[in-house]
Amino acid sequence: MSLQGHIVELQRRHEALEKEIEKERNHHCLDEKKLLELKRKKLQLKDEISKLRQGETLH
């Protein structure tokens, strides 16, 4: 997979996590632990995307 393809896949996963976070927030029985874990994963993806984009601009 190309670097750009990898970034696109990470962005897709990031968006999916955002939707899952919204779904969890709107759930009548909010699971704070699950919500925090989803947010942590989303942040990790965002950081990875940023690092890849920075590396892409350096080349």
PDB file of N, CA and C in Angstrom:
ATOM      1  N   MET A   1       0.854  -1.176   0.000  1.00  0.00           N
ATOM      2  CA  MET A   1       0.000   0.000   0.000  1.00  0.00           C
ATOM      3  C   MET A   1       0.902   1.243   0.000  1.00  0.00           C
ATOM      4  N   SER A   2       0.524   2.185  -0.808  1.00  0.00           N
ATOM      5  CA  SER A   2       1.282   3.437  -0.869  1.00  0.00           C
ATOM      6  C   SER A   2       1.075   4.243   0.407  1.00  0.00           C
ATOM      7  N   LEU A   3       1.943   5.197   0.608  1.00  0.00           N
ATOM      8  CA  LEU A   3       1.831   6.071   1.776  1.00  0.00           C
ATOM      9  C   LEU A   3       0.494   6.807   1.760  1.00  0.00           C
ATOM     10  N   GLN A   4       0.135   7.345   0.598  1.00  0.00           N
ATOM     11  CA  GLN A   4      -1.138   8.070   0.491  1.00  0.00           C
ATOM     12  C   GLN A   4      -2.317   7.139   0.759  1.00  0.00           C
ATOM     13  N   GLY A   5      -2.238   5.917   0.266  1.00  0.00           N
ATOM     14  CA  GLY A   5      -3.296   4.936   0.514  1.00  0.00           C
ATOM     15  C   GLY A   5      -3.417   4.620   1.995  1.00  0.00           C
ATOM     16  N   HIS A   6      -2.282   4.534   2.652  1.00  0.00           N
ATOM     17  CA  HIS A   6      -2.268   4.263   4.095  1.00  0.00           C
ATOM     18  C   HIS A   6      -2.919   5.426   4.856  1.00  0.00           C
ATOM     19  N   ILE A   7      -2.594   6.641   4.469  1.00  0.00           N
ATOM     20  CA  ILE A   7      -3.180   7.818   5.109  1.00  0.00           C
ATOM     21  C   ILE A   7      -4.697   7.832   4.910  1.00  0.00           C
ATOM     22  N   VAL A   8      -5.142   7.516   3.711  1.00  0.00           N
ATOM     23  CA  VAL A   8      -6.582   7.481   3.424  1.00  0.00           C
ATOM     24  C   VAL A   8      -7.283   6.439   4.296  1.00  0.00           C
ATOM     25  N   GLU A   9      -6.654   5.275   4.459  1.00  0.00           N
ATOM     26  CA  GLU A   9      -7.239   4.226   5.301  1.00  0.00           C
ATOM     27  C   GLU A   9      -7.305   4.680   6.764  1.00  0.00           C
ATOM     28  N   LEU A  10      -6.259   5.332   7.241  1.00  0.00           N
ATOM     29  CA  LEU A  10      -6.263   5.836   8.620  1.00  0.00           C
ATOM     30  C   LEU A  10      -7.350   6.898   8.802  1.00  0.00           C
ATOM     31  N   GLN A  11      -7.540   7.747   7.799  1.00  0.00           N
ATOM     32  CA  GLN A  11      -8.592   8.764   7.869  1.00  0.00           C
ATOM     33  C   GLN A  11      -9.972   8.110   7.913  1.00  0.00           C
ATOM     34  N   ARG A  12     -10.141   7.046   7.152  1.00  0.00           N
ATOM     35  CA  ARG A  12     -11.413   6.328   7.153  1.00  0.00           C
ATOM     36  C   ARG A  12     -11.695   5.734   8.543  1.00  0.00           C
ATOM     37  N   ARG A  13     -10.667   5.147   9.138  1.00  0.00           N
ATOM     38  CA  ARG A  13     -10.817   4.586  10.488  1.00  0.00           C
ATOM     39  C   ARG A  13     -11.095   5.692  11.509  1.00  0.00           C
ATOM     40  N   HIS A  14     -10.443   6.842  11.338  1.00  0.00           N
ATOM     41  CA  HIS A  14     -10.646   7.984  12.223  1.00  0.00           C
ATOM     42  C   HIS A  14     -12.101   8.453  12.163  1.00  0.00           C
ATOM     43  N   GLU A  15     -12.637   8.566  10.961  1.00  0.00           N
ATOM     44  CA  GLU A  15     -14.036   8.981  10.785  1.00  0.00           C
ATOM     45  C   GLU A  15     -14.997   7.956  11.376  1.00  0.00           C
ATOM     46  N   ALA A  16     -14.682   6.667  11.213  1.00  0.00           N
ATOM     47  CA  ALA A  16     -15.530   5.614  11.772  1.00  0.00           C
ATOM     48  C   ALA A  16     -15.555   5.706  13.297  1.00  0.00           C
ATOM     49  N   LEU A  17     -14.401   6.002  13.892  1.00  0.00           N
ATOM     50  CA  LEU A  17     -14.347   6.162  15.346  1.00  0.00           C
ATOM     51  C   LEU A  17     -15.159   7.379  15.784  1.00  0.00           C
ATOM     52  N   GLU A  18     -15.105   8.451  15.011  1.00  0.00           N
ATOM     53  CA  GLU A  18     -15.895   9.646  15.341  1.00  0.00           C
ATOM     54  C   GLU A  18     -17.382   9.302  15.361  1.00  0.00           C
ATOM     55  N   LYS A  19     -17.831   8.532  14.394  1.00  0.00           N
ATOM     56  CA  LYS A  19     -19.241   8.118  14.348  1.00  0.00           C
ATOM     57  C   LYS A  19     -19.592   7.234  15.540  1.00  0.00           C
ATOM     58  N   GLU A  20     -18.670   6.337  15.888  1.00  0.00           N
ATOM     59  CA  GLU A  20     -18.908   5.450  17.028  1.00  0.00           C
ATOM     60  C   GLU A  20     -18.948   6.246  18.335  1.00  0.00           C
ATOM     61  N   ILE A  21     -18.101   7.270  18.450  1.00  0.00           N
ATOM     62  CA  ILE A  21     -18.096   8.129  19.637  1.00  0.00           C
ATOM     63  C   ILE A  21     -19.433   8.857  19.750  1.00  0.00           C
ATOM     64  N   GLU A  22     -19.916   9.404  18.646  1.00  0.00           N
ATOM     65  CA  GLU A  22     -21.208  10.099  18.658  1.00  0.00           C
ATOM     66  C   GLU A  22     -22.341   9.148  19.039  1.00  0.00           C
ATOM     67  N   LYS A  23     -22.283   7.940  18.498  1.00  0.00           N
ATOM     68  CA  LYS A  23     -23.293   6.930  18.819  1.00  0.00           C
ATOM     69  C   LYS A  23     -23.277   6.627  20.318  1.00  0.00           C
ATOM     70  N   GLU A  24     -22.084   6.482  20.870  1.00  0.00           N
ATOM     71  CA  GLU A  24     -21.939   6.187  22.303  1.00  0.00           C
ATOM     72  C   GLU A  24     -22.431   7.358  23.148  1.00  0.00           C
ATOM     73  N   ARG A  25     -22.123   8.587  22.725  1.00  0.00           N
ATOM     74  CA  ARG A  25     -22.580   9.768  23.467  1.00  0.00           C
ATOM     75  C   ARG A  25     -24.107   9.855  23.517  1.00  0.00           C
ATOM     76  N   ASN A  26     -24.743   9.434  22.436  1.00  0.00           N
ATOM     77  CA  ASN A  26     -26.192   9.517  22.345  1.00  0.00           C
ATOM     78  C   ASN A  26     -26.909   8.314  22.943  1.00  0.00           C
ATOM     79  N   HIS A  27     -26.145   7.332  23.354  1.00  0.00           N
ATOM     80  CA  HIS A  27     -26.732   6.128  23.942  1.00  0.00           C
ATOM     81  C   HIS A  27     -27.310   6.467  25.316  1.00  0.00           C
ATOM     82  N   HIS A  28     -28.450   5.889  25.622  1.00  0.00           N
ATOM     83  CA  HIS A  28     -29.119   6.220  26.888  1.00  0.00           C
ATOM     84  C   HIS A  28     -28.328   5.777  28.120  1.00  0.00           C
ATOM     85  N   CYS A  29     -27.471   4.795  27.951  1.00  0.00           N
ATOM     86  CA  CYS A  29     -26.655   4.300  29.064  1.00  0.00           C
ATOM     87  C   CYS A  29     -25.185   4.517  28.712  1.00  0.00           C
ATOM     88  N   LEU A  30     -24.710   5.725  28.918  1.00  0.00           N
ATOM     89  CA  LEU A  30     -23.357   6.119  28.533  1.00  0.00           C
ATOM     90  C   LEU A  30     -22.312   5.311  29.290  1.00  0.00           C
ATOM     91  N   ASP A  31     -21.391   4.726  28.542  1.00  0.00           N
ATOM     92  CA  ASP A  31     -20.284   3.959  29.116  1.00  0.00           C
ATOM     93  C   ASP A  31     -19.024   4.829  29.010  1.00  0.00           C
ATOM     94  N   GLU A  32     -18.698   5.515  30.107  1.00  0.00           N
ATOM     95  CA  GLU A  32     -17.561   6.442  30.122  1.00  0.00           C
ATOM     96  C   GLU A  32     -16.247   5.751  29.765  1.00  0.00           C
ATOM     97  N   LYS A  33     -16.067   4.548  30.244  1.00  0.00           N
ATOM     98  CA  LYS A  33     -14.835   3.815  29.988  1.00  0.00           C
ATOM     99  C   LYS A  33     -14.685   3.528  28.486  1.00  0.00           C
ATOM    100  N   LYS A  34     -15.767   3.085  27.871  1.00  0.00           N
ATOM    101  CA  LYS A  34     -15.749   2.808  26.442  1.00  0.00           C
ATOM    102  C   LYS A  34     -15.518   4.096  25.653  1.00  0.00           C
ATOM    103  N   LEU A  35     -16.161   5.170  26.066  1.00  0.00           N
ATOM    104  CA  LEU A  35     -16.024   6.455  25.393  1.00  0.00           C
ATOM    105  C   LEU A  35     -14.574   6.945  25.454  1.00  0.00           C
ATOM    106  N   LEU A  36     -13.951   6.830  26.605  1.00  0.00           N
ATOM    107  CA  LEU A  36     -12.552   7.234  26.752  1.00  0.00           C
ATOM    108  C   LEU A  36     -11.627   6.395  25.875  1.00  0.00           C
ATOM    109  N   GLU A  37     -11.894   5.105  25.786  1.00  0.00           N
ATOM    110  CA  GLU A  37     -11.082   4.223  24.947  1.00  0.00           C
ATOM    111  C   GLU A  37     -11.225   4.594  23.469  1.00  0.00           C
ATOM    112  N   LEU A  38     -12.439   4.888  23.035  1.00  0.00           N
ATOM    113  CA  LEU A  38     -12.661   5.302  21.650  1.00  0.00           C
ATOM    114  C   LEU A  38     -11.933   6.608  21.344  1.00  0.00           C
ATOM    115  N   LYS A  39     -12.003   7.548  22.278  1.00  0.00           N
ATOM    116  CA  LYS A  39     -11.323   8.826  22.089  1.00  0.00           C
ATOM    117  C   LYS A  39      -9.808   8.641  22.037  1.00  0.00           C
ATOM    118  N   ARG A  40      -9.286   7.740  22.852  1.00  0.00           N
ATOM    119  CA  ARG A  40      -7.850   7.463  22.866  1.00  0.00           C
ATOM    120  C   ARG A  40      -7.416   6.890  21.523  1.00  0.00           C
ATOM    121  N   LYS A  41      -8.178   5.950  20.996  1.00  0.00           N
ATOM    122  CA  LYS A  41      -7.854   5.357  19.699  1.00  0.00           C
ATOM    123  C   LYS A  41      -7.921   6.397  18.588  1.00  0.00           C
ATOM    124  N   LYS A  42      -8.922   7.262  18.654  1.00  0.00           N
ATOM    125  CA  LYS A  42      -9.074   8.308  17.651  1.00  0.00           C
ATOM    126  C   LYS A  42      -7.872   9.252  17.684  1.00  0.00           C
ATOM    127  N   LEU A  43      -7.432   9.630  18.861  1.00  0.00           N
ATOM    128  CA  LEU A  43      -6.280  10.510  19.003  1.00  0.00           C
ATOM    129  C   LEU A  43      -5.002   9.844  18.481  1.00  0.00           C
ATOM    130  N   GLN A  44      -4.845   8.555  18.737  1.00  0.00           N
ATOM    131  CA  GLN A  44      -3.681   7.836  18.226  1.00  0.00           C
ATOM    132  C   GLN A  44      -3.662   7.861  16.698  1.00  0.00           C
ATOM    133  N   LEU A  45      -4.830   7.648  16.098  1.00  0.00           N
ATOM    134  CA  LEU A  45      -4.918   7.688  14.639  1.00  0.00           C
ATOM    135  C   LEU A  45      -4.575   9.079  14.112  1.00  0.00           C
ATOM    136  N   LYS A  46      -5.095  10.101  14.780  1.00  0.00           N
ATOM    137  CA  LYS A  46      -4.823  11.477  14.361  1.00  0.00           C
ATOM    138  C   LYS A  46      -3.326  11.759  14.422  1.00  0.00           C
ATOM    139  N   ASP A  47      -2.679  11.321  15.493  1.00  0.00           N
ATOM    140  CA  ASP A  47      -1.235  11.517  15.634  1.00  0.00           C
ATOM    141  C   ASP A  47      -0.466  10.786  14.536  1.00  0.00           C
ATOM    142  N   GLU A  48      -0.876   9.560  14.239  1.00  0.00           N
ATOM    143  CA  GLU A  48      -0.204   8.779  13.205  1.00  0.00           C
ATOM    144  C   GLU A  48      -0.375   9.438  11.834  1.00  0.00           C
ATOM    145  N   ILE A  49      -1.567   9.919  11.541  1.00  0.00           N
ATOM    146  CA  ILE A  49      -1.830  10.613  10.279  1.00  0.00           C
ATOM    147  C   ILE A  49      -0.942  11.852  10.169  1.00  0.00           C
ATOM    148  N   SER A  50      -0.852  12.620  11.249  1.00  0.00           N
ATOM    149  CA  SER A  50      -0.024  13.835  11.254  1.00  0.00           C
ATOM    150  C   SER A  50       1.440  13.508  10.990  1.00  0.00           C
ATOM    151  N   LYS A  51       1.953  12.471  11.634  1.00  0.00           N
ATOM    152  CA  LYS A  51       3.348  12.071  11.447  1.00  0.00           C
ATOM    153  C   LYS A  51       3.607  11.649  10.006  1.00  0.00           C
ATOM    154  N   LEU A  52       2.675  10.891   9.444  1.00  0.00           N
ATOM    155  CA  LEU A  52       2.844  10.445   8.059  1.00  0.00           C
ATOM    156  C   LEU A  52       2.809  11.621   7.098  1.00  0.00           C
ATOM    157  N   ARG A  53       1.915  12.566   7.345  1.00  0.00           N
ATOM    158  CA  ARG A  53       1.837  13.742   6.480  1.00  0.00           C
ATOM    159  C   ARG A  53       3.095  14.599   6.589  1.00  0.00           C
ATOM    160  N   GLN A  54       3.647  14.725   7.781  1.00  0.00           N
ATOM    161  CA  GLN A  54       4.880  15.478   7.961  1.00  0.00           C
ATOM    162  C   GLN A  54       6.023  14.824   7.205  1.00  0.00           C
ATOM    163  N   GLY A  55       6.098  13.512   7.296  1.00  0.00           N
ATOM    164  CA  GLY A  55       7.125  12.765   6.579  1.00  0.00           C
ATOM    165  C   GLY A  55       6.958  12.881   5.079  1.00  0.00           C
ATOM    166  N   GLU A  56       5.721  12.955   4.639  1.00  0.00           N
ATOM    167  CA  GLU A  56       5.410  13.079   3.221  1.00  0.00           C
ATOM    168  C   GLU A  56       5.879  14.421   2.681  1.00  0.00           C
ATOM    169  N   THR A  57       5.754  15.482   3.468  1.00  0.00           N
ATOM    170  CA  THR A  57       6.144  16.811   3.002  1.00  0.00           C
ATOM    171  C   THR A  57       7.668  16.997   3.049  1.00  0.00           C
ATOM    172  N   LEU A  58       8.345  16.193   3.832  1.00  0.00           N
ATOM    173  CA  LEU A  58       9.803  16.305   3.920  1.00  0.00           C
ATOM    174  C   LEU A  58      10.500  15.703   2.711  1.00  0.00           C
ATOM    175  N   HIS A  59       9.821  14.821   2.029  1.00  0.00           N
ATOM    176  CA  HIS A  59      10.440  14.141   0.870  1.00  0.00           C
ATOM    177  C   HIS A  59      10.167  14.852  -0.419  1.00  0.00           C
TER     178      HIS A  59
END
